[in-house]
């Protein structure tokens, strides 16, 4: 069955896929994240994600957490630079309970001051934990370097100083200005008739007033390549190499996703894994990542290596990038990398939870959801000439930025 759609009178959209299972997955994805914060608000979108479970006009914190936990369900949330998601997994008979709870915590949260003060310490410990992991922290510092003086470059978690300043009014103000009903999607994958699901969604979400975006996002257009080396007390040297890339709605996004998968995706046979790990034993962790945003994007390569092999590892990476820029993929190679990524997509969609979140984000951004067959058709249409042209744009040596944590 294909995806089914509905829109409420206040602009909230619904996308659903019927699957015949006993467990359902449902969530609310909001087009609001850390890039929508002012400098003084940095960290507030993530802090709201934590505190949205701490009390509403109808429930106290314990009753929110217990509402699904008591029937074996799972309630969760995440925050990125451009979105916030609150979602749940549950037995199918608890669709009404889940939808009512999602509506309550998103639209009726009161953020009790006493609960906020406790949660501040939790978030500050999360920040400190993150700083203890150089292989994670370097990604945030690299984005700060690439998107310097821009909200995209700020850390999602914020700083302890900022977090300590947040009051209930600050959180409510951010929600008022950024939780816009025409930029919200309810996504569902489960064994429920769509007509019944629409009635439930209308019952619990129709009452909320229409709220549209007033503050427009600041576009990013000031990239300058830069290189930094920081001395750290680590056992390894950690390195990131990257460049800005295509935004969400760019026609070249699919081809760059394919190119990134070939270079350093999750498989063990990627070019970086073969070159650095299998052939030369220079690195245990090596990967590349492509993150598209609404108006820009970022492609970055990460590896960790010994101080003594750092220069050799960097040169190996640059050599692989040169190959992508100069050596066109043969027919068999191109066919193989297309089959690989289509297989990965199909396996990812075997998880109904992953599919629920994916279709919600897709409907939020594109106002439609492509099936696996449609996605793979786009992938199969990519040519070797397109890939080499994209490689020359994104992996232009003069446009690459570097950030290294050198071990002391």
Protein backbone atom coordinates (compact mmCIF):
# COMPACT_ATOMS: atom_id res chain seq x y z
CA UNK A 1 0.00 0.00 0.00
CA UNK A 2 1.21 3.49 -0.86
CA UNK A 3 1.37 6.36 1.62
CA UNK A 4 -1.83 8.17 2.59
CA UNK A 5 -2.11 11.90 3.32
CA UNK A 6 -4.39 14.33 5.10
CA UNK A 7 -4.20 17.97 6.18
CA UNK A 8 -5.97 19.53 9.17
CA UNK A 9 -7.62 22.94 9.02
CA UNK A 10 -4.74 24.46 11.05
CA UNK A 11 -2.15 23.26 8.54
CA UNK A 12 -0.82 20.20 10.40
CA UNK A 13 -0.23 17.39 7.90
CA UNK A 14 -0.57 13.63 8.33
CA UNK A 15 1.19 10.84 6.44
CA UNK A 16 0.46 7.17 7.12
CA UNK A 17 1.51 3.75 5.90
CA UNK A 18 -0.61 0.75 6.73
CA UNK A 19 1.35 -2.29 7.89
CA UNK A 20 -0.17 -5.45 9.34
CA UNK A 21 1.73 -5.70 12.63
CA UNK A 22 0.84 -5.54 16.30
CA UNK A 23 3.31 -2.71 16.99
CA UNK A 24 2.76 0.80 15.62
CA UNK A 25 4.99 3.86 15.40
CA UNK A 26 3.76 7.44 15.41
CA UNK A 27 5.41 10.82 15.80
CA UNK A 28 5.24 14.55 15.31
CA UNK A 29 8.06 16.19 13.36
CA UNK A 30 8.43 19.97 13.59
CA UNK A 31 10.44 22.21 11.28
CA UNK A 32 12.28 23.88 14.17
CA UNK A 33 15.78 23.25 15.44
CA UNK A 34 18.92 24.88 16.73
CA UNK A 35 19.42 27.04 13.64
CA UNK A 36 16.19 28.87 14.55
CA UNK A 37 17.74 30.11 17.80
CA UNK A 38 19.21 33.52 18.48
CA UNK A 39 22.71 33.67 19.96
CA UNK A 40 21.29 34.01 23.48
CA UNK A 41 18.92 31.10 22.87
CA UNK A 42 21.56 28.63 21.69
CA UNK A 43 20.67 25.23 23.13
CA UNK A 44 17.00 26.06 23.79
CA UNK A 45 15.52 23.82 21.07
CA UNK A 46 17.30 20.81 22.55
CA UNK A 47 16.42 21.89 26.09
CA UNK A 48 12.73 22.07 25.11
CA UNK A 49 13.01 18.52 23.76
CA UNK A 50 14.14 17.45 27.25
CA UNK A 51 11.61 19.51 29.18
CA UNK A 52 8.56 18.85 27.03
CA UNK A 53 8.01 15.71 29.16
CA UNK A 54 8.14 17.61 32.47
CA UNK A 55 4.56 18.74 32.83
CA UNK A 56 1.50 20.02 30.98
CA UNK A 57 -1.70 21.75 31.99
CA UNK A 58 -3.19 18.24 32.29
CA UNK A 59 -0.34 16.08 33.59
CA UNK A 60 2.69 16.08 35.83
CA UNK A 61 6.01 14.62 34.73
CA UNK A 62 5.41 11.16 36.16
CA UNK A 63 2.01 10.84 34.47
CA UNK A 64 3.54 11.76 31.09
CA UNK A 65 6.28 9.16 31.38
CA UNK A 66 3.91 6.54 32.77
CA UNK A 67 1.21 7.04 30.14
CA UNK A 68 2.92 4.82 27.56
CA UNK A 69 5.50 3.07 29.73
CA UNK A 70 2.72 1.43 31.73
CA UNK A 71 1.44 -0.34 28.61
CA UNK A 72 4.88 -1.29 27.28
CA UNK A 73 5.22 1.64 24.91
CA UNK A 74 8.30 3.75 24.28
CA UNK A 75 8.30 7.57 24.11
CA UNK A 76 11.30 9.42 22.68
CA UNK A 77 12.50 12.62 21.01
CA UNK A 78 15.43 14.18 19.19
CA UNK A 79 16.62 17.61 18.03
CA UNK A 80 18.72 18.49 14.98
CA UNK A 81 19.79 21.78 13.42
CA UNK A 82 16.46 22.10 11.59
CA UNK A 83 13.92 19.79 13.18
CA UNK A 84 12.49 18.46 16.42
CA UNK A 85 10.75 15.10 16.64
CA UNK A 86 8.66 13.55 19.40
CA UNK A 87 7.64 9.97 18.66
CA UNK A 88 6.47 6.70 20.15
CA UNK A 89 6.27 2.95 19.59
CA UNK A 90 3.29 1.09 21.06
CA UNK A 91 0.79 -1.73 20.63
CA UNK A 92 -1.83 -0.84 18.02
CA UNK A 93 -4.72 -0.60 20.49
CA UNK A 94 -3.02 2.43 22.05
CA UNK A 95 -3.22 4.74 19.03
CA UNK A 96 -5.75 7.05 20.77
CA UNK A 97 -3.67 7.18 23.96
CA UNK A 98 -0.48 7.96 22.00
CA UNK A 99 -1.95 10.69 19.80
CA UNK A 100 -3.63 12.39 22.76
CA UNK A 101 -0.34 12.32 24.68
CA UNK A 102 1.69 13.75 21.75
CA UNK A 103 -0.82 16.58 21.36
CA UNK A 104 -0.73 17.30 25.10
CA UNK A 105 3.05 17.52 25.49
CA UNK A 106 3.63 19.54 22.29
CA UNK A 107 0.84 22.07 22.74
CA UNK A 108 0.14 22.15 26.49
CA UNK A 109 3.58 21.97 28.13
CA UNK A 110 3.92 24.40 31.05
CA UNK A 111 7.64 23.85 31.83
CA UNK A 112 7.45 23.97 35.66
CA UNK A 113 10.39 25.99 36.98
CA UNK A 114 11.35 23.35 39.56
CA UNK A 115 11.50 20.63 36.90
CA UNK A 116 13.54 22.87 34.59
CA UNK A 117 16.18 23.46 37.25
CA UNK A 118 16.65 19.70 37.68
CA UNK A 119 16.79 19.08 33.95
CA UNK A 120 19.41 21.79 33.46
CA UNK A 121 21.87 19.66 35.39
CA UNK A 122 21.02 16.64 33.24
CA UNK A 123 21.64 18.59 30.01
CA UNK A 124 24.88 20.08 31.35
CA UNK A 125 26.09 16.56 32.12
CA UNK A 126 25.14 15.60 28.56
CA UNK A 127 27.26 18.50 27.27
CA UNK A 128 30.20 17.46 29.47
CA UNK A 129 29.86 13.86 28.33
CA UNK A 130 29.98 15.02 24.73
CA UNK A 131 33.14 17.01 25.37
CA UNK A 132 34.75 13.85 26.74
CA UNK A 133 34.36 12.19 23.32
CA UNK A 134 36.72 13.83 20.79
CA UNK A 135 35.43 11.69 17.92
CA UNK A 136 31.99 13.29 18.43
CA UNK A 137 32.99 16.77 19.55
CA UNK A 138 35.13 17.34 16.45
CA UNK A 139 32.02 17.20 14.23
CA UNK A 140 30.41 20.09 16.11
CA UNK A 141 33.61 22.13 16.11
CA UNK A 142 34.02 21.51 12.38
CA UNK A 143 30.50 22.79 11.66
CA UNK A 144 31.28 25.80 13.84
CA UNK A 145 34.38 26.38 11.72
CA UNK A 146 32.63 25.91 8.36
CA UNK A 147 29.47 27.87 9.24
CA UNK A 148 31.28 30.51 11.27
CA UNK A 149 29.08 33.32 12.69
CA UNK A 150 25.92 31.56 11.52
CA UNK A 151 23.23 29.69 13.52
CA UNK A 152 23.91 26.41 11.64
CA UNK A 153 27.41 26.45 13.10
CA UNK A 154 26.25 26.57 16.72
CA UNK A 155 26.22 23.42 18.85
CA UNK A 156 22.79 21.83 19.21
CA UNK A 157 23.30 21.19 22.93
CA UNK A 158 24.28 24.82 23.63
CA UNK A 159 26.61 25.87 26.42
CA UNK A 160 26.23 25.31 30.19
CA UNK A 161 26.09 29.10 30.67
CA UNK A 162 23.17 29.44 28.26
CA UNK A 163 21.31 26.43 29.61
CA UNK A 164 21.50 27.77 33.15
CA UNK A 165 19.78 31.02 32.06
CA UNK A 166 16.67 29.44 30.51
CA UNK A 167 13.34 30.20 32.19
CA UNK A 168 9.85 28.84 31.39
CA UNK A 169 8.97 32.04 29.49
CA UNK A 170 12.00 31.62 27.23
CA UNK A 171 10.90 28.12 26.25
CA UNK A 172 7.28 29.15 25.66
CA UNK A 173 8.42 32.10 23.54
CA UNK A 174 10.60 29.89 21.34
CA UNK A 175 7.70 27.48 20.82
CA UNK A 176 5.31 30.31 19.97
CA UNK A 177 7.65 31.64 17.27
CA UNK A 178 8.96 28.37 15.86
CA UNK A 179 6.45 25.56 16.37
CA UNK A 180 4.36 26.47 13.33
CA UNK A 181 1.34 24.30 12.55
CA UNK A 182 1.90 24.51 8.78
CA UNK A 183 5.41 23.14 9.40
CA UNK A 184 4.37 20.11 11.45
CA UNK A 185 3.83 16.56 10.25
CA UNK A 186 2.23 13.67 12.11
CA UNK A 187 3.72 10.46 10.73
CA UNK A 188 2.41 6.96 11.33
CA UNK A 189 3.26 3.40 10.37
CA UNK A 190 0.86 0.86 11.80
CA UNK A 191 -2.12 -1.45 11.57
CA UNK A 192 -4.93 1.11 11.61
CA UNK A 193 -7.54 2.08 9.03
CA UNK A 194 -6.69 5.51 7.61
CA UNK A 195 -10.23 6.86 8.05
CA UNK A 196 -10.09 6.01 11.76
CA UNK A 197 -6.61 7.52 12.07
CA UNK A 198 -7.77 10.77 10.48
CA UNK A 199 -10.66 10.98 12.96
CA UNK A 200 -8.29 10.47 15.89
CA UNK A 201 -5.82 13.07 14.62
CA UNK A 202 -8.62 15.57 14.06
CA UNK A 203 -9.98 14.88 17.54
CA UNK A 204 -6.69 15.62 19.27
CA UNK A 205 -4.99 18.18 16.99
CA UNK A 206 -7.73 20.15 15.20
CA UNK A 207 -8.41 22.40 18.19
CA UNK A 208 -5.01 24.11 18.11
CA UNK A 209 -4.84 27.51 16.43
CA UNK A 210 -3.10 28.05 13.12
CA UNK A 211 0.41 29.37 13.67
CA UNK A 212 2.66 30.26 10.72
CA UNK A 213 6.33 31.22 10.57
CA UNK A 214 7.18 34.90 11.02
CA UNK A 215 10.95 34.71 11.55
CA UNK A 216 12.60 33.49 8.35
CA UNK A 217 15.84 31.55 8.53
CA UNK A 218 19.03 33.39 7.69
CA UNK A 219 20.56 31.83 4.53
CA UNK A 220 24.20 30.79 4.67
CA UNK A 221 26.40 32.19 1.89
CA UNK A 222 29.77 33.14 3.39
CA UNK A 223 31.83 29.94 3.26
CA UNK A 224 35.60 30.34 3.32
CA UNK A 225 37.82 27.23 3.50
CA UNK A 226 39.97 27.12 6.64
CA UNK A 227 42.36 24.75 8.42
CA UNK A 228 42.97 24.42 12.15
CA UNK A 229 45.04 22.10 14.33
CA UNK A 230 44.21 21.82 18.04
CA UNK A 231 46.34 19.99 20.57
CA UNK A 232 44.30 17.57 22.69
CA UNK A 233 45.07 15.02 25.38
CA UNK A 234 43.95 12.05 23.30
CA UNK A 235 45.48 8.71 22.32
CA UNK A 236 44.73 9.32 18.62
CA UNK A 237 44.78 12.24 16.27
CA UNK A 238 41.28 12.95 14.95
CA UNK A 239 40.73 14.65 11.61
CA UNK A 240 37.83 16.09 9.62
CA UNK A 241 38.10 17.17 5.98
CA UNK A 242 35.13 18.69 4.17
CA UNK A 243 33.33 21.30 2.14
CA UNK A 244 29.88 22.83 1.89
CA UNK A 245 27.50 20.86 -0.31
CA UNK A 246 24.05 20.87 -1.89
CA UNK A 247 20.86 21.73 0.04
CA UNK A 248 17.79 19.54 0.51
CA UNK A 249 15.95 20.47 -2.66
CA UNK A 250 18.94 20.54 -5.02
CA UNK A 251 18.58 18.15 -7.98
CA UNK A 252 22.15 16.92 -7.37
CA UNK A 253 21.42 15.73 -3.81
CA UNK A 254 20.69 12.13 -4.79
CA UNK A 255 23.88 11.84 -6.86
CA UNK A 256 25.99 13.27 -4.03
CA UNK A 257 24.36 10.82 -1.61
CA UNK A 258 25.44 8.00 -3.92
CA UNK A 259 28.96 9.43 -4.23
CA UNK A 260 29.26 9.78 -0.45
CA UNK A 261 28.13 6.17 0.01
CA UNK A 262 30.84 5.01 -2.38
CA UNK A 263 33.46 7.12 -0.63
CA UNK A 264 32.81 6.41 3.05
CA UNK A 265 29.30 5.15 3.73
CA UNK A 266 28.32 2.45 6.25
CA UNK A 267 29.61 -0.53 4.24
CA UNK A 268 33.03 -2.11 4.79
CA UNK A 269 33.99 -1.94 1.12
CA UNK A 270 33.96 1.85 0.76
CA UNK A 271 36.95 3.47 -0.86
CA UNK A 272 38.10 5.12 2.36
CA UNK A 273 37.72 1.93 4.38
CA UNK A 274 39.67 -0.11 1.82
CA UNK A 275 42.42 2.53 1.42
CA UNK A 276 42.96 3.52 5.06
CA UNK A 277 41.94 0.44 7.02
CA UNK A 278 42.20 -2.66 4.87
CA UNK A 279 45.25 -1.85 2.72
CA UNK A 280 47.36 0.29 5.05
CA UNK A 281 46.05 -0.29 8.57
CA UNK A 282 46.07 3.45 9.27
CA UNK A 283 42.67 3.81 10.92
CA UNK A 284 40.01 1.89 12.83
CA UNK A 285 37.24 4.50 12.39
CA UNK A 286 36.88 6.14 8.99
CA UNK A 287 33.70 7.48 7.37
CA UNK A 288 32.21 10.22 5.26
CA UNK A 289 28.89 11.98 5.86
CA UNK A 290 26.65 14.18 3.73
CA UNK A 291 24.20 16.38 5.64
CA UNK A 292 21.85 18.52 3.53
CA UNK A 293 20.10 21.53 5.10
CA UNK A 294 17.31 23.71 3.70
CA UNK A 295 19.71 26.21 2.09
CA UNK A 296 23.15 24.57 2.18
CA UNK A 297 24.83 21.32 3.10
CA UNK A 298 28.02 19.75 4.37
CA UNK A 299 30.09 16.81 3.26
CA UNK A 300 32.85 15.74 5.64
CA UNK A 301 35.33 12.89 6.00
CA UNK A 302 36.39 11.68 9.44
CA UNK A 303 39.19 9.40 10.54
CA UNK A 304 41.21 8.71 13.66
CA UNK A 305 44.86 7.65 13.43
CA UNK A 306 48.17 7.61 15.28
CA UNK A 307 50.18 10.84 15.36
CA UNK A 308 52.99 9.15 13.45
CA UNK A 309 50.70 8.09 10.60
CA UNK A 310 48.59 11.26 10.46
CA UNK A 311 50.27 12.79 7.38
CA UNK A 312 50.15 9.50 5.52
CA UNK A 313 46.43 9.12 6.32
CA UNK A 314 45.63 12.65 5.10
CA UNK A 315 47.48 12.05 1.83
CA UNK A 316 45.64 8.76 1.37
CA UNK A 317 42.28 10.50 1.77
CA UNK A 318 43.24 13.27 -0.67
CA UNK A 319 44.38 10.65 -3.19
CA UNK A 320 40.97 8.95 -3.01
CA UNK A 321 39.25 12.30 -3.58
CA UNK A 322 41.49 12.92 -6.59
CA UNK A 323 40.45 9.56 -8.06
CA UNK A 324 36.78 10.52 -7.74
CA UNK A 325 37.52 13.80 -9.54
CA UNK A 326 39.56 12.33 -12.38
CA UNK A 327 38.62 8.66 -12.95
CA UNK A 328 35.14 8.02 -14.26
CA UNK A 329 33.34 4.97 -12.87
CA UNK A 330 33.03 2.08 -15.29
CA UNK A 331 29.67 0.55 -16.17
CA UNK A 332 30.08 -2.38 -13.76
CA UNK A 333 31.35 -0.15 -10.90
CA UNK A 334 28.47 2.27 -11.32
CA UNK A 335 25.93 -0.55 -11.42
CA UNK A 336 27.43 -2.06 -8.25
CA UNK A 337 27.33 1.14 -6.17
CA UNK A 338 23.72 1.72 -7.22
CA UNK A 339 22.72 -1.80 -6.18
CA UNK A 340 24.51 -1.32 -2.86
CA UNK A 341 22.73 1.86 -1.84
CA UNK A 342 19.31 0.58 -2.98
CA UNK A 343 19.88 -2.49 -0.81
CA UNK A 344 20.85 -0.33 2.16
CA UNK A 345 17.69 1.77 1.75
CA UNK A 346 15.49 -1.32 1.58
CA UNK A 347 17.09 -2.80 4.72
CA UNK A 348 16.69 0.52 6.59
CA UNK A 349 12.98 0.53 5.69
CA UNK A 350 12.59 -2.96 7.16
CA UNK A 351 12.45 -1.05 10.45
CA UNK A 352 8.97 0.47 10.65
CA UNK A 353 10.30 3.01 13.17
CA UNK A 354 12.96 4.19 10.71
CA UNK A 355 10.40 4.40 7.92
CA UNK A 356 7.97 6.37 10.09
CA UNK A 357 10.61 9.02 10.87
CA UNK A 358 11.85 9.07 7.28
CA UNK A 359 8.45 9.58 5.68
CA UNK A 360 7.60 12.26 8.23
CA UNK A 361 10.73 14.23 7.39
CA UNK A 362 10.20 13.77 3.66
CA UNK A 363 6.59 14.99 3.83
CA UNK A 364 7.68 17.93 6.00
CA UNK A 365 10.29 19.07 3.47
CA UNK A 366 8.94 18.02 0.07
CA UNK A 367 5.20 17.70 0.80
CA UNK A 368 5.38 14.18 -0.67
CA UNK A 369 7.00 10.82 0.04
CA UNK A 370 8.77 8.73 -2.58
CA UNK A 371 8.48 4.95 -2.38
CA UNK A 372 11.63 2.81 -2.32
CA UNK A 373 10.98 2.03 -5.99
CA UNK A 374 10.84 5.75 -6.87
CA UNK A 375 14.01 6.50 -4.89
CA UNK A 376 15.89 3.67 -6.57
CA UNK A 377 14.66 4.80 -10.00
CA UNK A 378 16.29 8.18 -9.36
CA UNK A 379 19.48 6.44 -8.27
CA UNK A 380 19.53 4.22 -11.35
CA UNK A 381 19.25 7.29 -13.59
CA UNK A 382 22.52 8.80 -12.27
CA UNK A 383 25.37 8.80 -14.78
CA UNK A 384 29.12 8.48 -14.29
CA UNK A 385 29.48 11.92 -15.89
CA UNK A 386 27.24 13.46 -13.20
CA UNK A 387 29.29 11.88 -10.43
CA UNK A 388 32.61 13.13 -11.76
CA UNK A 389 31.18 16.64 -12.21
CA UNK A 390 29.88 16.66 -8.63
CA UNK A 391 33.17 15.26 -7.31
CA UNK A 392 35.03 18.16 -8.95
CA UNK A 393 32.70 20.66 -7.29
CA UNK A 394 32.50 19.22 -3.78
CA UNK A 395 36.04 17.81 -3.54
CA UNK A 396 37.81 20.78 -5.11
CA UNK A 397 41.12 20.86 -3.15
CA UNK A 398 41.03 24.66 -2.96
CA UNK A 399 37.64 24.55 -1.22
CA UNK A 400 38.38 21.91 1.43
CA UNK A 401 38.48 22.76 5.14
CA UNK A 402 40.47 20.81 7.72
CA UNK A 403 40.16 20.39 11.48
CA UNK A 404 42.58 18.19 13.41
CA UNK A 405 42.80 17.22 17.05
CA UNK A 406 46.49 16.36 17.40
CA UNK A 407 47.25 14.08 20.33
CA UNK A 408 49.83 15.38 22.80
